[in-house]
Amino acid sequence: MIKPNFHWSHSLCLCVALLAAQQPAVQAAPAPWYLWRSQLDGALTCQQFSPGQAWSLYDGPFADLACQKRVTIKR
């Protein structure tokens, strides 16, 4: 008996690849910046994430690393 060269797994992989190629690319936005206040001396710093346990969120979110341009977060 002759075995056919056609394999369903190859066909399935090709279909999945073609469908995935037609999906629009997902683009992530950069993480927002926040103004953090030190609980020890009140100093302020602009960071994307908490600098540590001795810091509390003071203001934000901002679009720039100087914490000047406000931004609204879309979820």
PDB file of N, CA and C in Angstrom:
ATOM      1  N   MET A   1       0.842  -1.184   0.000  1.00  0.00           N
ATOM      2  CA  MET A   1       0.000   0.000   0.000  1.00  0.00           C
ATOM      3  C   MET A   1       0.885   1.244   0.000  1.00  0.00           C
ATOM      4  N   ILE A   2       0.540   2.201  -0.822  1.00  0.00           N
ATOM      5  CA  ILE A   2       1.319   3.429  -0.965  1.00  0.00           C
ATOM      6  C   ILE A   2       0.804   4.464   0.032  1.00  0.00           C
ATOM      7  N   LYS A   3       1.753   5.058   0.777  1.00  0.00           N
ATOM      8  CA  LYS A   3       1.387   6.107   1.735  1.00  0.00           C
ATOM      9  C   LYS A   3       1.383   7.459   1.033  1.00  0.00           C
ATOM     10  N   PRO A   4       0.343   8.239   1.211  1.00  0.00           N
ATOM     11  CA  PRO A   4       0.329   9.561   0.582  1.00  0.00           C
ATOM     12  C   PRO A   4       1.312  10.499   1.281  1.00  0.00           C
ATOM     13  N   ASN A   5       1.853  11.455   0.545  1.00  0.00           N
ATOM     14  CA  ASN A   5       2.808  12.416   1.095  1.00  0.00           C
ATOM     15  C   ASN A   5       2.120  13.572   1.815  1.00  0.00           C
ATOM     16  N   PHE A   6       0.823  13.665   1.673  1.00  0.00           N
ATOM     17  CA  PHE A   6       0.065  14.761   2.294  1.00  0.00           C
ATOM     18  C   PHE A   6      -0.193  14.444   3.762  1.00  0.00           C
ATOM     19  N   HIS A   7       0.164  15.355   4.640  1.00  0.00           N
ATOM     20  CA  HIS A   7      -0.057  15.172   6.073  1.00  0.00           C
ATOM     21  C   HIS A   7      -0.997  16.263   6.568  1.00  0.00           C
ATOM     22  N   TRP A   8      -1.997  15.883   7.310  1.00  0.00           N
ATOM     23  CA  TRP A   8      -2.954  16.843   7.843  1.00  0.00           C
ATOM     24  C   TRP A   8      -2.294  17.822   8.807  1.00  0.00           C
ATOM     25  N   SER A   9      -1.274  17.384   9.520  1.00  0.00           N
ATOM     26  CA  SER A   9      -0.620  18.288  10.475  1.00  0.00           C
ATOM     27  C   SER A   9       0.063  19.448   9.760  1.00  0.00           C
ATOM     28  N   HIS A  10       0.638  19.176   8.572  1.00  0.00           N
ATOM     29  CA  HIS A  10       1.252  20.261   7.806  1.00  0.00           C
ATOM     30  C   HIS A  10       0.193  21.246   7.326  1.00  0.00           C
ATOM     31  N   SER A  11      -0.910  20.733   6.901  1.00  0.00           N
ATOM     32  CA  SER A  11      -2.005  21.577   6.436  1.00  0.00           C
ATOM     33  C   SER A  11      -2.547  22.441   7.575  1.00  0.00           C
ATOM     34  N   LEU A  12      -2.697  21.851   8.740  1.00  0.00           N
ATOM     35  CA  LEU A  12      -3.192  22.590   9.902  1.00  0.00           C
ATOM     36  C   LEU A  12      -2.224  23.694  10.308  1.00  0.00           C
ATOM     37  N   CYS A  13      -0.942  23.400  10.320  1.00  0.00           N
ATOM     38  CA  CYS A  13       0.067  24.415  10.666  1.00  0.00           C
ATOM     39  C   CYS A  13       0.037  25.569   9.670  1.00  0.00           C
ATOM     40  N   LEU A  14      -0.128  25.259   8.393  1.00  0.00           N
ATOM     41  CA  LEU A  14      -0.187  26.289   7.371  1.00  0.00           C
ATOM     42  C   LEU A  14      -1.416  27.178   7.573  1.00  0.00           C
ATOM     43  N   CYS A  15      -2.554  26.581   7.876  1.00  0.00           N
ATOM     44  CA  CYS A  15      -3.782  27.353   8.110  1.00  0.00           C
ATOM     45  C   CYS A  15      -3.645  28.265   9.322  1.00  0.00           C
ATOM     46  N   VAL A  16      -3.077  27.751  10.383  1.00  0.00           N
ATOM     47  CA  VAL A  16      -2.890  28.558  11.592  1.00  0.00           C
ATOM     48  C   VAL A  16      -1.939  29.711  11.313  1.00  0.00           C
ATOM     49  N   ALA A  17      -0.874  29.455  10.576  1.00  0.00           N
ATOM     50  CA  ALA A  17       0.096  30.503  10.251  1.00  0.00           C
ATOM     51  C   ALA A  17      -0.555  31.592   9.390  1.00  0.00           C
ATOM     52  N   LEU A  18      -1.369  31.198   8.429  1.00  0.00           N
ATOM     53  CA  LEU A  18      -2.036  32.182   7.576  1.00  0.00           C
ATOM     54  C   LEU A  18      -3.041  33.024   8.359  1.00  0.00           C
ATOM     55  N   LEU A  19      -3.766  32.401   9.272  1.00  0.00           N
ATOM     56  CA  LEU A  19      -4.719  33.148  10.087  1.00  0.00           C
ATOM     57  C   LEU A  19      -4.005  34.110  11.035  1.00  0.00           C
ATOM     58  N   ALA A  20      -2.905  33.667  11.611  1.00  0.00           N
ATOM     59  CA  ALA A  20      -2.152  34.518  12.538  1.00  0.00           C
ATOM     60  C   ALA A  20      -1.538  35.705  11.807  1.00  0.00           C
ATOM     61  N   ALA A  21      -1.147  35.521  10.567  1.00  0.00           N
ATOM     62  CA  ALA A  21      -0.530  36.604   9.795  1.00  0.00           C
ATOM     63  C   ALA A  21      -1.541  37.698   9.469  1.00  0.00           C
ATOM     64  N   GLN A  22      -2.821  37.388   9.456  1.00  0.00           N
ATOM     65  CA  GLN A  22      -3.839  38.367   9.110  1.00  0.00           C
ATOM     66  C   GLN A  22      -4.311  39.174  10.314  1.00  0.00           C
ATOM     67  N   GLN A  23      -3.946  38.784  11.517  1.00  0.00           N
ATOM     68  CA  GLN A  23      -4.361  39.503  12.714  1.00  0.00           C
ATOM     69  C   GLN A  23      -3.527  40.772  12.862  1.00  0.00           C
ATOM     70  N   PRO A  24      -4.153  41.883  13.257  1.00  0.00           N
ATOM     71  CA  PRO A  24      -3.376  43.115  13.444  1.00  0.00           C
ATOM     72  C   PRO A  24      -2.398  42.967  14.610  1.00  0.00           C
ATOM     73  N   ALA A  25      -1.279  43.613  14.485  1.00  0.00           N
ATOM     74  CA  ALA A  25      -0.259  43.555  15.531  1.00  0.00           C
ATOM     75  C   ALA A  25      -0.742  44.308  16.771  1.00  0.00           C
ATOM     76  N   VAL A  26      -0.504  43.746  17.917  1.00  0.00           N
ATOM     77  CA  VAL A  26      -0.866  44.393  19.176  1.00  0.00           C
ATOM     78  C   VAL A  26       0.334  45.214  19.632  1.00  0.00           C
ATOM     79  N   GLN A  27       0.081  46.481  19.893  1.00  0.00           N
ATOM     80  CA  GLN A  27       1.165  47.339  20.331  1.00  0.00           C
ATOM     81  C   GLN A  27       0.883  47.814  21.745  1.00  0.00           C
ATOM     82  N   ALA A  28       1.844  47.625  22.591  1.00  0.00           N
ATOM     83  CA  ALA A  28       1.695  48.007  23.988  1.00  0.00           C
ATOM     84  C   ALA A  28       2.155  49.456  24.186  1.00  0.00           C
ATOM     85  N   ALA A  29       1.477  50.147  25.054  1.00  0.00           N
ATOM     86  CA  ALA A  29       1.868  51.505  25.402  1.00  0.00           C
ATOM     87  C   ALA A  29       2.946  51.453  26.486  1.00  0.00           C
ATOM     88  N   PRO A  30       3.783  52.464  26.553  1.00  0.00           N
ATOM     89  CA  PRO A  30       4.789  52.483  27.611  1.00  0.00           C
ATOM     90  C   PRO A  30       4.136  52.645  28.989  1.00  0.00           C
ATOM     91  N   ALA A  31       4.792  52.182  30.005  1.00  0.00           N
ATOM     92  CA  ALA A  31       4.272  52.293  31.365  1.00  0.00           C
ATOM     93  C   ALA A  31       4.216  53.768  31.771  1.00  0.00           C
ATOM     94  N   PRO A  32       3.162  54.177  32.465  1.00  0.00           N
ATOM     95  CA  PRO A  32       3.063  55.578  32.897  1.00  0.00           C
ATOM     96  C   PRO A  32       4.042  55.887  34.030  1.00  0.00           C
ATOM     97  N   TRP A  33       4.305  57.150  34.230  1.00  0.00           N
ATOM     98  CA  TRP A  33       5.194  57.625  35.285  1.00  0.00           C
ATOM     99  C   TRP A  33       4.348  58.140  36.444  1.00  0.00           C
ATOM    100  N   TYR A  34       4.870  58.005  37.643  1.00  0.00           N
ATOM    101  CA  TYR A  34       4.168  58.462  38.852  1.00  0.00           C
ATOM    102  C   TYR A  34       5.127  59.257  39.723  1.00  0.00           C
ATOM    103  N   LEU A  35       4.568  60.168  40.486  1.00  0.00           N
ATOM    104  CA  LEU A  35       5.345  60.938  41.449  1.00  0.00           C
ATOM    105  C   LEU A  35       5.232  60.232  42.793  1.00  0.00           C
ATOM    106  N   TRP A  36       6.379  59.887  43.382  1.00  0.00           N
ATOM    107  CA  TRP A  36       6.429  59.161  44.652  1.00  0.00           C
ATOM    108  C   TRP A  36       7.029  60.054  45.726  1.00  0.00           C
ATOM    109  N   ARG A  37       6.477  59.982  46.935  1.00  0.00           N
ATOM    110  CA  ARG A  37       6.973  60.790  48.064  1.00  0.00           C
ATOM    111  C   ARG A  37       7.601  59.878  49.106  1.00  0.00           C
ATOM    112  N   SER A  38       8.781  60.291  49.577  1.00  0.00           N
ATOM    113  CA  SER A  38       9.476  59.539  50.618  1.00  0.00           C
ATOM    114  C   SER A  38       8.742  59.713  51.946  1.00  0.00           C
ATOM    115  N   GLN A  39       8.514  58.626  52.651  1.00  0.00           N
ATOM    116  CA  GLN A  39       7.886  58.698  53.975  1.00  0.00           C
ATOM    117  C   GLN A  39       8.897  59.079  55.042  1.00  0.00           C
ATOM    118  N   LEU A  40      10.183  59.107  54.683  1.00  0.00           N
ATOM    119  CA  LEU A  40      11.229  59.465  55.647  1.00  0.00           C
ATOM    120  C   LEU A  40      11.484  60.967  55.701  1.00  0.00           C
ATOM    121  N   ASP A  41      11.675  61.589  54.509  1.00  0.00           N
ATOM    122  CA  ASP A  41      12.000  63.019  54.510  1.00  0.00           C
ATOM    123  C   ASP A  41      11.127  63.867  53.576  1.00  0.00           C
ATOM    124  N   GLY A  42      10.124  63.263  52.918  1.00  0.00           N
ATOM    125  CA  GLY A  42       9.217  64.012  52.053  1.00  0.00           C
ATOM    126  C   GLY A  42       9.751  64.304  50.664  1.00  0.00           C
ATOM    127  N   ALA A  43      10.912  63.784  50.319  1.00  0.00           N
ATOM    128  CA  ALA A  43      11.482  64.009  48.989  1.00  0.00           C
ATOM    129  C   ALA A  43      10.578  63.394  47.924  1.00  0.00           C
ATOM    130  N   LEU A  44      10.579  63.988  46.730  1.00  0.00           N
ATOM    131  CA  LEU A  44       9.767  63.492  45.621  1.00  0.00           C
ATOM    132  C   LEU A  44      10.665  62.921  44.532  1.00  0.00           C
ATOM    133  N   THR A  45      10.190  61.864  43.870  1.00  0.00           N
ATOM    134  CA  THR A  45      10.897  61.288  42.740  1.00  0.00           C
ATOM    135  C   THR A  45       9.867  60.821  41.718  1.00  0.00           C
ATOM    136  N   CYS A  46      10.241  60.897  40.446  1.00  0.00           N
ATOM    137  CA  CYS A  46       9.368  60.475  39.359  1.00  0.00           C
ATOM    138  C   CYS A  46       9.852  59.113  38.860  1.00  0.00           C
ATOM    139  N   GLN A  47       9.025  58.087  39.038  1.00  0.00           N
ATOM    140  CA  GLN A  47       9.398  56.724  38.661  1.00  0.00           C
ATOM    141  C   GLN A  47       8.189  56.018  38.042  1.00  0.00           C
ATOM    142  N   GLN A  48       8.458  54.980  37.260  1.00  0.00           N
ATOM    143  CA  GLN A  48       7.367  54.196  36.701  1.00  0.00           C
ATOM    144  C   GLN A  48       6.832  53.191  37.720  1.00  0.00           C
ATOM    145  N   PHE A  49       7.676  52.758  38.624  1.00  0.00           N
ATOM    146  CA  PHE A  49       7.292  51.786  39.648  1.00  0.00           C
ATOM    147  C   PHE A  49       7.779  52.276  41.003  1.00  0.00           C
ATOM    148  N   SER A  50       7.202  51.753  42.058  1.00  0.00           N
ATOM    149  CA  SER A  50       7.562  52.183  43.405  1.00  0.00           C
ATOM    150  C   SER A  50       9.052  51.978  43.667  1.00  0.00           C
ATOM    151  N   PRO A  51       9.734  52.995  44.205  1.00  0.00           N
ATOM    152  CA  PRO A  51      11.150  52.845  44.520  1.00  0.00           C
ATOM    153  C   PRO A  51      11.407  51.979  45.758  1.00  0.00           C
ATOM    154  N   GLY A  52      10.387  51.637  46.510  1.00  0.00           N
ATOM    155  CA  GLY A  52      10.573  50.795  47.686  1.00  0.00           C
ATOM    156  C   GLY A  52       9.464  50.987  48.701  1.00  0.00           C
ATOM    157  N   GLN A  53       9.628  50.347  49.847  1.00  0.00           N
ATOM    158  CA  GLN A  53       8.592  50.372  50.875  1.00  0.00           C
ATOM    159  C   GLN A  53       8.461  51.720  51.564  1.00  0.00           C
ATOM    160  N   ALA A  54       9.514  52.511  51.576  1.00  0.00           N
ATOM    161  CA  ALA A  54       9.489  53.804  52.267  1.00  0.00           C
ATOM    162  C   ALA A  54       8.909  54.912  51.393  1.00  0.00           C
ATOM    163  N   TRP A  55       8.317  54.564  50.262  1.00  0.00           N
ATOM    164  CA  TRP A  55       7.759  55.540  49.341  1.00  0.00           C
ATOM    165  C   TRP A  55       6.270  55.304  49.165  1.00  0.00           C
ATOM    166  N   SER A  56       5.503  56.389  49.043  1.00  0.00           N
ATOM    167  CA  SER A  56       4.063  56.277  48.801  1.00  0.00           C
ATOM    168  C   SER A  56       3.711  57.072  47.542  1.00  0.00           C
ATOM    169  N   LEU A  57       2.678  56.615  46.859  1.00  0.00           N
ATOM    170  CA  LEU A  57       2.238  57.267  45.631  1.00  0.00           C
ATOM    171  C   LEU A  57       1.720  58.662  45.964  1.00  0.00           C
ATOM    172  N   TYR A  58       2.241  59.670  45.289  1.00  0.00           N
ATOM    173  CA  TYR A  58       1.877  61.049  45.565  1.00  0.00           C
ATOM    174  C   TYR A  58       0.957  61.616  44.483  1.00  0.00           C
ATOM    175  N   ASP A  59       1.288  61.378  43.198  1.00  0.00           N
ATOM    176  CA  ASP A  59       0.508  61.940  42.102  1.00  0.00           C
ATOM    177  C   ASP A  59       0.779  61.147  40.815  1.00  0.00           C
ATOM    178  N   GLY A  60      -0.137  61.253  39.865  1.00  0.00           N
ATOM    179  CA  GLY A  60       0.073  60.606  38.578  1.00  0.00           C
ATOM    180  C   GLY A  60      -1.199  59.987  38.063  1.00  0.00           C
ATOM    181  N   PRO A  61      -1.181  59.431  36.931  1.00  0.00           N
ATOM    182  CA  PRO A  61      -0.054  59.087  36.066  1.00  0.00           C
ATOM    183  C   PRO A  61       0.360  60.235  35.133  1.00  0.00           C
ATOM    184  N   PHE A  62       1.600  60.159  34.672  1.00  0.00           N
ATOM    185  CA  PHE A  62       2.177  61.136  33.762  1.00  0.00           C
ATOM    186  C   PHE A  62       2.731  60.410  32.538  1.00  0.00           C
ATOM    187  N   ALA A  63       2.882  61.160  31.434  1.00  0.00           N
ATOM    188  CA  ALA A  63       3.385  60.577  30.192  1.00  0.00           C
ATOM    189  C   ALA A  63       4.895  60.709  30.045  1.00  0.00           C
ATOM    190  N   ASP A  64       5.519  61.570  30.850  1.00  0.00           N
ATOM    191  CA  ASP A  64       6.953  61.822  30.684  1.00  0.00           C
ATOM    192  C   ASP A  64       7.714  61.571  31.976  1.00  0.00           C
ATOM    193  N   LEU A  65       9.024  61.435  31.843  1.00  0.00           N
ATOM    194  CA  LEU A  65       9.849  61.112  33.013  1.00  0.00           C
ATOM    195  C   LEU A  65      10.100  62.304  33.922  1.00  0.00           C
ATOM    196  N   ALA A  66       9.597  63.475  33.554  1.00  0.00           N
ATOM    197  CA  ALA A  66       9.694  64.649  34.426  1.00  0.00           C
ATOM    198  C   ALA A  66       8.407  64.825  35.236  1.00  0.00           C
ATOM    199  N   CYS A  67       7.434  63.929  35.026  1.00  0.00           N
ATOM    200  CA  CYS A  67       6.137  63.985  35.717  1.00  0.00           C
ATOM    201  C   CYS A  67       5.481  65.353  35.536  1.00  0.00           C
ATOM    202  N   GLN A  68       5.393  65.802  34.274  1.00  0.00           N
ATOM    203  CA  GLN A  68       4.758  67.079  33.982  1.00  0.00           C
ATOM    204  C   GLN A  68       3.547  66.937  33.081  1.00  0.00           C
ATOM    205  N   LYS A  69       3.565  66.003  32.132  1.00  0.00           N
ATOM    206  CA  LYS A  69       2.464  65.840  31.183  1.00  0.00           C
ATOM    207  C   LYS A  69       1.505  64.762  31.695  1.00  0.00           C
ATOM    208  N   ARG A  70       0.334  65.186  32.109  1.00  0.00           N
ATOM    209  CA  ARG A  70      -0.668  64.222  32.612  1.00  0.00           C
ATOM    210  C   ARG A  70      -1.181  63.336  31.493  1.00  0.00           C
ATOM    211  N   VAL A  71      -1.560  62.132  31.847  1.00  0.00           N
ATOM    212  CA  VAL A  71      -2.098  61.187  30.876  1.00  0.00           C
ATOM    213  C   VAL A  71      -3.264  60.431  31.516  1.00  0.00           C
ATOM    214  N   THR A  72      -4.229  60.043  30.689  1.00  0.00           N
ATOM    215  CA  THR A  72      -5.313  59.205  31.190  1.00  0.00           C
ATOM    216  C   THR A  72      -5.033  57.772  30.760  1.00  0.00           C
ATOM    217  N   ILE A  73      -5.195  56.847  31.667  1.00  0.00           N
ATOM    218  CA  ILE A  73      -4.931  55.438  31.414  1.00  0.00           C
ATOM    219  C   ILE A  73      -6.175  54.804  30.800  1.00  0.00           C
ATOM    220  N   LYS A  74      -5.999  54.169  29.634  1.00  0.00           N
ATOM    221  CA  LYS A  74      -7.091  53.451  28.976  1.00  0.00           C
ATOM    222  C   LYS A  74      -6.995  51.989  29.327  1.00  0.00           C
ATOM    223  N   ARG A  75      -8.059  51.427  29.846  1.00  0.00           N
ATOM    224  CA  ARG A  75      -8.066  50.013  30.236  1.00  0.00           C
ATOM    225  C   ARG A  75      -9.054  49.260  29.436  1.00  0.00           C
TER     226      ARG A  75
END
